[in-house]
Each structure stands twice: as structure tokens, then as C-alpha cells.
């Protein structure tokens, strides 16, 4: 309790908390996009519960990893080397997660661009509830480990990390349903989001091989692309409005 009071009276701790909350929210965007795309493949009555379970699993994983923080830090220690390049367990997890994202996003793009007649008759590719939760859990684990290691690099105080993680997951929970509805209502946004996942997957693989990719570049590119798509959506809505007005007149 005394240590918590000392942290509460420390301006540096508040600055670290604010910075870490923002960082965790930004890192959570990747996870949230994936959860939204996956759960939109489920029947409508299962989508919200799947999103909540997926985000709840993200919170449980992050808090569980914080409880074993000494072990998580040890994941950055090299375990073997190939051609002079050392790999840690974190590197291997990032590479595996990146490959999974590339496979999943490429598969979704293929089904969107060239669906088979059998899938078209079935109303598009559908996932089972358990399969969707399983895929979300895999990416939750990858993003959680990356998130916690980032937090460890920013502060040494576990209470600050816990508060930042809970705040970030709360934001994800609040944003999940509106984001999923927006993606479902705008099919072109799905392709853009899948493109984001491919870019994030390549970034994870690059990080796993030791090539540091500044996150600012990635999120700036995503923000620019989303801004352009937002203008396209506004333009399409205006055209539909003008066409409707012309029809009525």
C-alpha cells in the first residue's frame, strides 16, 4: 500500500502511465481489427459474444503475463542461432504470429475476390464459433506478449502496467461493436483492413528477424489509408444522396 501511495504522489509515474495507456491502446488497434474481421464471419447472433470473449481473453492473457513478468523478460534471451543470427522465444513467437496473419489475411482476400460457387451459395465463408475463438486466442497471445514486453521497456512498476493494460482493453471493448458494424457496412473497408493485417504480419516477421520497424511509420500509413478511404465513403454517400434526390424529383 505504501508503494502504491508513493507512486500516486510521483508525477513521473503519472507521465509513464499516460504514455503507456496511449501506447497500449495504439497496439490494441491491430488486435481489434483482427477480432472484428473474424467475428463478422460468424452468424449475427454470435458476433457480439465472440468479440467480448476474444477481448476478455486478451485481458486475461495480458494480466497473466504480467504475473509472470520475470519469465516474459527472459523470453528476449537468445535460445539458438542460425548463420550467426540469434533467435529468442519472443522472436519465434513474433515470426509465427506474423506468418499466421499473412496466411489468414491472404486467405480472406482470396475468398473476397474469388469466392467459389459453393461458398457463394452458402452466403460467403463462415466460421464456427470455436474456430473463431481459437484464431482470436492465437493472435491475442502474440499481441499480448509484444504488448507486455513494450510495457516492461517503458516502466518497471507493475501496478502502472496493470492499470494501462486494463484501460487499453476497456477501450477495445467499447470500440469493438462500432468498429465491427462499420466494417460490415462498408465492404471496401474489409479489404483495407485485410491490407493492414498483411502489413502488420510483415512487421511482426521483420521484428522477429531483428529488423526494427518504427511503429510510427506503420500507424501513419494506416491513418493515411483510412483517411483516403473515409473520403471515398463520403463521396459514395453523396453520390447516392444526389441520385436519390434526382429520382424523387
Protein backbone atom coordinates (compact mmCIF):
# COMPACT_ATOMS: atom_id res chain seq x y z
CA UNK A 1 0.00 0.00 0.00
CA UNK A 2 2.84 2.40 0.85
CA UNK A 3 4.46 1.78 -2.53
CA UNK A 4 1.13 2.50 -4.28
CA UNK A 5 0.78 5.78 -2.39
CA UNK A 6 4.33 6.72 -3.36
CA UNK A 7 3.52 6.02 -7.00
CA UNK A 8 0.33 8.09 -6.77
CA UNK A 9 2.35 11.05 -5.49
CA UNK A 10 5.03 10.70 -8.15
CA UNK A 11 4.50 12.91 -11.25
CA UNK A 12 6.89 10.71 -13.23
CA UNK A 13 4.68 7.71 -12.56
CA UNK A 14 1.62 9.58 -13.86
CA UNK A 15 3.52 10.57 -17.01
CA UNK A 16 4.61 6.96 -17.52
CA UNK A 17 1.03 5.78 -17.02
CA UNK A 18 -0.40 8.24 -19.56
CA UNK A 19 2.26 7.34 -22.13
CA UNK A 20 1.79 3.62 -21.56
CA UNK A 21 -2.02 3.83 -21.82
CA UNK A 22 -1.73 5.58 -25.20
CA UNK A 23 0.84 3.03 -26.37
CA UNK A 24 -1.28 0.06 -25.27
CA UNK A 25 -4.38 1.49 -26.97
CA UNK A 26 -2.45 2.00 -30.22
CA UNK A 27 -1.02 -1.53 -30.04
CA UNK A 28 -4.54 -2.83 -29.39
CA UNK A 29 -5.78 -1.49 -32.74
CA UNK A 30 -4.09 -4.38 -34.56
CA UNK A 31 -5.77 -6.91 -32.29
CA UNK A 32 -9.14 -5.22 -32.59
CA UNK A 33 -9.09 -5.16 -36.41
CA UNK A 34 -8.40 -8.89 -36.46
CA UNK A 35 -11.13 -9.64 -33.92
CA UNK A 36 -13.64 -7.54 -35.90
CA UNK A 37 -12.90 -9.30 -39.20
CA UNK A 38 -13.03 -12.78 -37.66
CA UNK A 39 -16.23 -12.26 -35.67
CA UNK A 40 -18.03 -10.74 -38.67
CA UNK A 41 -17.75 -14.21 -40.25
CA UNK A 42 -19.95 -15.65 -37.51
CA UNK A 43 -23.77 -15.71 -37.51
CA UNK A 44 -25.11 -12.33 -36.31
CA UNK A 45 -26.40 -13.72 -33.01
CA UNK A 46 -22.90 -14.96 -32.07
CA UNK A 47 -20.80 -11.99 -33.14
CA UNK A 48 -21.05 -9.80 -30.05
CA UNK A 49 -20.42 -12.63 -27.60
CA UNK A 50 -17.40 -13.76 -29.64
CA UNK A 51 -15.96 -10.24 -29.62
CA UNK A 52 -16.40 -9.98 -25.86
CA UNK A 53 -14.85 -13.39 -25.28
CA UNK A 54 -11.93 -12.52 -27.58
CA UNK A 55 -11.25 -9.21 -25.84
CA UNK A 56 -11.74 -10.84 -22.44
CA UNK A 57 -9.13 -13.44 -23.37
CA UNK A 58 -6.77 -10.60 -24.35
CA UNK A 59 -7.19 -9.08 -20.88
CA UNK A 60 -6.68 -12.42 -19.13
CA UNK A 61 -3.56 -13.16 -21.17
CA UNK A 62 -2.05 -9.74 -20.52
CA UNK A 63 -2.70 -9.87 -16.79
CA UNK A 64 -1.45 -13.46 -16.65
CA UNK A 65 1.74 -12.47 -18.45
CA UNK A 66 2.23 -9.59 -16.03
CA UNK A 67 2.04 -12.09 -13.17
CA UNK A 68 4.98 -13.95 -14.74
CA UNK A 69 6.86 -10.85 -15.81
CA UNK A 70 10.29 -12.22 -14.92
CA UNK A 71 9.67 -15.14 -17.29
CA UNK A 72 8.37 -12.82 -20.03
CA UNK A 73 11.53 -10.70 -19.84
CA UNK A 74 13.56 -13.90 -20.16
CA UNK A 75 11.82 -14.58 -23.49
CA UNK A 76 14.08 -11.97 -25.06
CA UNK A 77 17.20 -14.03 -24.26
CA UNK A 78 18.68 -15.90 -27.28
CA UNK A 79 17.98 -19.64 -27.35
CA UNK A 80 19.77 -20.61 -30.59
CA UNK A 81 21.50 -19.05 -33.59
CA UNK A 82 21.26 -19.67 -37.34
CA UNK A 83 24.04 -18.36 -39.63
CA UNK A 84 25.17 -16.06 -36.86
CA UNK A 85 21.68 -14.67 -36.20
CA UNK A 86 20.44 -15.34 -32.64
CA UNK A 87 16.74 -16.01 -32.06
CA UNK A 88 14.82 -15.72 -28.80
CA UNK A 89 11.43 -17.22 -27.94
CA UNK A 90 9.92 -13.76 -28.47
CA UNK A 91 11.39 -13.68 -31.98
CA UNK A 92 9.94 -17.09 -32.79
CA UNK A 93 6.52 -16.11 -31.42
CA UNK A 94 6.51 -12.89 -33.48
CA UNK A 95 7.54 -14.75 -36.64
CA UNK A 96 4.87 -17.42 -36.12
CA UNK A 97 2.24 -14.76 -35.41
CA UNK A 98 3.27 -12.78 -38.49
CA UNK A 99 3.06 -15.86 -40.70
CA UNK A 100 -0.37 -16.66 -39.27
CA UNK A 101 -1.57 -13.12 -40.03
CA UNK A 102 -0.21 -13.31 -43.59
CA UNK A 103 -1.93 -16.65 -44.15
CA UNK A 104 -5.22 -15.53 -42.65
CA UNK A 105 -5.36 -12.14 -44.41
CA UNK A 106 -4.35 -13.65 -47.77
CA UNK A 107 -6.99 -16.37 -47.40
CA UNK A 108 -9.68 -13.77 -46.56
CA UNK A 109 -8.66 -11.63 -49.55
CA UNK A 110 -8.80 -14.67 -51.83
CA UNK A 111 -12.32 -15.56 -50.64
CA UNK A 112 -13.43 -11.93 -51.07
CA UNK A 113 -12.01 -11.55 -54.59
CA UNK A 114 -12.68 -15.03 -55.97
CA UNK A 115 -15.24 -16.91 -53.85
CA UNK A 116 -16.11 -20.44 -55.00
CA UNK A 117 -19.64 -21.18 -56.13
CA UNK A 118 -20.18 -23.39 -53.06
CA UNK A 119 -19.22 -20.52 -50.72
CA UNK A 120 -21.33 -18.06 -52.71
CA UNK A 121 -24.38 -20.31 -52.33
CA UNK A 122 -23.73 -20.51 -48.60
CA UNK A 123 -23.65 -16.73 -48.32
CA UNK A 124 -19.90 -16.38 -48.00
CA UNK A 125 -17.22 -18.04 -45.91
CA UNK A 126 -18.41 -18.81 -42.39
CA UNK A 127 -16.50 -19.83 -39.32
CA UNK A 128 -17.56 -21.96 -36.42
CA UNK A 129 -17.70 -20.27 -33.02
CA UNK A 130 -14.92 -22.43 -31.57
CA UNK A 131 -12.70 -21.90 -34.65
CA UNK A 132 -13.15 -18.13 -34.41
CA UNK A 133 -12.26 -18.07 -30.70
CA UNK A 134 -9.24 -20.31 -31.38
CA UNK A 135 -7.90 -17.96 -34.05
CA UNK A 136 -8.51 -14.92 -31.85
CA UNK A 137 -6.69 -16.65 -28.98
CA UNK A 138 -3.62 -17.30 -31.15
CA UNK A 139 -3.31 -13.62 -32.11
CA UNK A 140 -4.21 -12.49 -28.59
CA UNK A 141 -1.17 -14.41 -27.35
CA UNK A 142 1.16 -12.83 -29.93
CA UNK A 143 -0.09 -9.29 -29.37
CA UNK A 144 -0.15 -9.76 -25.60
CA UNK A 145 3.49 -10.80 -25.41
CA UNK A 146 4.53 -7.90 -27.64
CA UNK A 147 2.39 -5.52 -25.56
CA UNK A 148 3.83 -6.64 -22.21
CA UNK A 149 7.44 -6.54 -23.43
CA UNK A 150 6.79 -3.00 -24.69
CA UNK A 151 5.35 -2.07 -21.28
CA UNK A 152 8.37 -3.52 -19.49
CA UNK A 153 10.61 -1.33 -21.63
CA UNK A 154 8.72 1.79 -20.59
CA UNK A 155 8.30 1.33 -16.83
CA UNK A 156 9.42 -1.01 -14.06
CA UNK A 157 6.29 -0.57 -11.93
CA UNK A 158 3.84 -3.47 -12.31
CA UNK A 159 0.79 -1.51 -10.96
CA UNK A 160 1.27 1.04 -13.75
CA UNK A 161 1.38 -1.77 -16.32
CA UNK A 162 -1.78 -3.34 -14.89
CA UNK A 163 -3.71 -0.05 -15.00
CA UNK A 164 -2.52 0.65 -18.56
CA UNK A 165 -3.49 -2.83 -19.75
CA UNK A 166 -6.96 -2.66 -18.16
CA UNK A 167 -7.54 0.83 -19.63
CA UNK A 168 -6.46 -0.28 -23.11
CA UNK A 169 -8.64 -3.41 -23.07
CA UNK A 170 -11.59 -1.32 -21.83
CA UNK A 171 -11.16 0.97 -24.85
CA UNK A 172 -11.02 -2.11 -27.10
CA UNK A 173 -14.24 -3.42 -25.54
CA UNK A 174 -16.05 -0.11 -26.11
CA UNK A 175 -14.79 0.23 -29.69
CA UNK A 176 -15.30 -3.39 -30.78
CA UNK A 177 -19.01 -3.29 -31.69
CA UNK A 178 -18.95 0.09 -33.54
CA UNK A 179 -15.82 -0.94 -35.48
CA UNK A 180 -17.30 -4.30 -36.44
CA UNK A 181 -20.56 -2.68 -37.60
CA UNK A 182 -18.61 -0.12 -39.62
CA UNK A 183 -16.52 -2.83 -41.31
CA UNK A 184 -19.63 -4.92 -42.07
CA UNK A 185 -21.47 -1.91 -43.54
CA UNK A 186 -18.55 -0.89 -45.78
CA UNK A 187 -17.20 -3.84 -47.81
CA UNK A 188 -14.28 -1.83 -49.18
CA UNK A 189 -13.10 -1.22 -45.62
CA UNK A 190 -12.75 -5.01 -45.19
CA UNK A 191 -10.15 -5.12 -47.97
CA UNK A 192 -8.34 -2.15 -46.44
CA UNK A 193 -8.35 -3.81 -43.02
CA UNK A 194 -7.01 -7.04 -44.53
CA UNK A 195 -4.25 -5.00 -46.16
CA UNK A 196 -3.46 -3.61 -42.70
CA UNK A 197 -3.21 -7.15 -41.34
CA UNK A 198 -0.77 -8.12 -44.10
CA UNK A 199 1.36 -5.08 -43.27
CA UNK A 200 1.22 -5.89 -39.55
CA UNK A 201 2.14 -9.52 -40.29
CA UNK A 202 5.18 -8.44 -42.29
CA UNK A 203 6.16 -6.09 -39.47
CA UNK A 204 5.96 -8.90 -36.91
CA UNK A 205 8.14 -11.13 -39.09
CA UNK A 206 10.67 -8.34 -39.60
CA UNK A 207 10.76 -7.71 -35.83
CA UNK A 208 11.28 -11.42 -35.27
CA UNK A 209 14.32 -11.38 -37.56
CA UNK A 210 15.75 -8.38 -35.71
CA UNK A 211 14.81 -5.61 -38.16
CA UNK A 212 13.28 -2.84 -36.06
CA UNK A 213 10.37 -1.16 -37.85
CA UNK A 214 9.33 2.14 -36.20
CA UNK A 215 5.67 1.79 -35.25
CA UNK A 216 5.10 5.44 -36.14
CA UNK A 217 5.63 4.68 -39.83
CA UNK A 218 3.16 1.80 -39.73
CA UNK A 219 0.39 3.70 -37.96
CA UNK A 220 0.93 6.83 -40.09
CA UNK A 221 0.47 4.73 -43.23
CA UNK A 222 -2.64 3.12 -41.73
CA UNK A 223 -4.06 6.52 -40.74
CA UNK A 224 -3.39 7.95 -44.22
CA UNK A 225 -5.04 4.97 -45.95
CA UNK A 226 -8.02 5.14 -43.59
CA UNK A 227 -8.35 8.88 -44.30
CA UNK A 228 -8.41 8.29 -48.06
CA UNK A 229 -10.99 5.53 -47.65
CA UNK A 230 -13.06 7.86 -45.46
CA UNK A 231 -13.13 10.41 -48.30
CA UNK A 232 -14.21 7.65 -50.71
CA UNK A 233 -17.04 6.65 -48.37
CA UNK A 234 -18.22 10.28 -48.11
CA UNK A 235 -18.06 10.63 -51.90
CA UNK A 236 -20.14 7.47 -52.42
CA UNK A 237 -22.72 8.60 -49.88
CA UNK A 238 -23.03 12.00 -51.56
CA UNK A 239 -23.49 10.39 -54.96
CA UNK A 240 -26.18 8.08 -53.59
CA UNK A 241 -27.89 11.06 -51.95
CA UNK A 242 -27.82 13.04 -55.19
CA UNK A 243 -29.12 10.05 -57.16
CA UNK A 244 -31.95 9.60 -54.64
CA UNK A 245 -32.89 13.28 -54.84
CA UNK A 246 -32.87 13.15 -58.65
CA UNK A 247 -35.13 10.07 -58.59
CA UNK A 248 -37.67 11.73 -56.28
CA UNK A 249 -37.76 14.88 -58.41
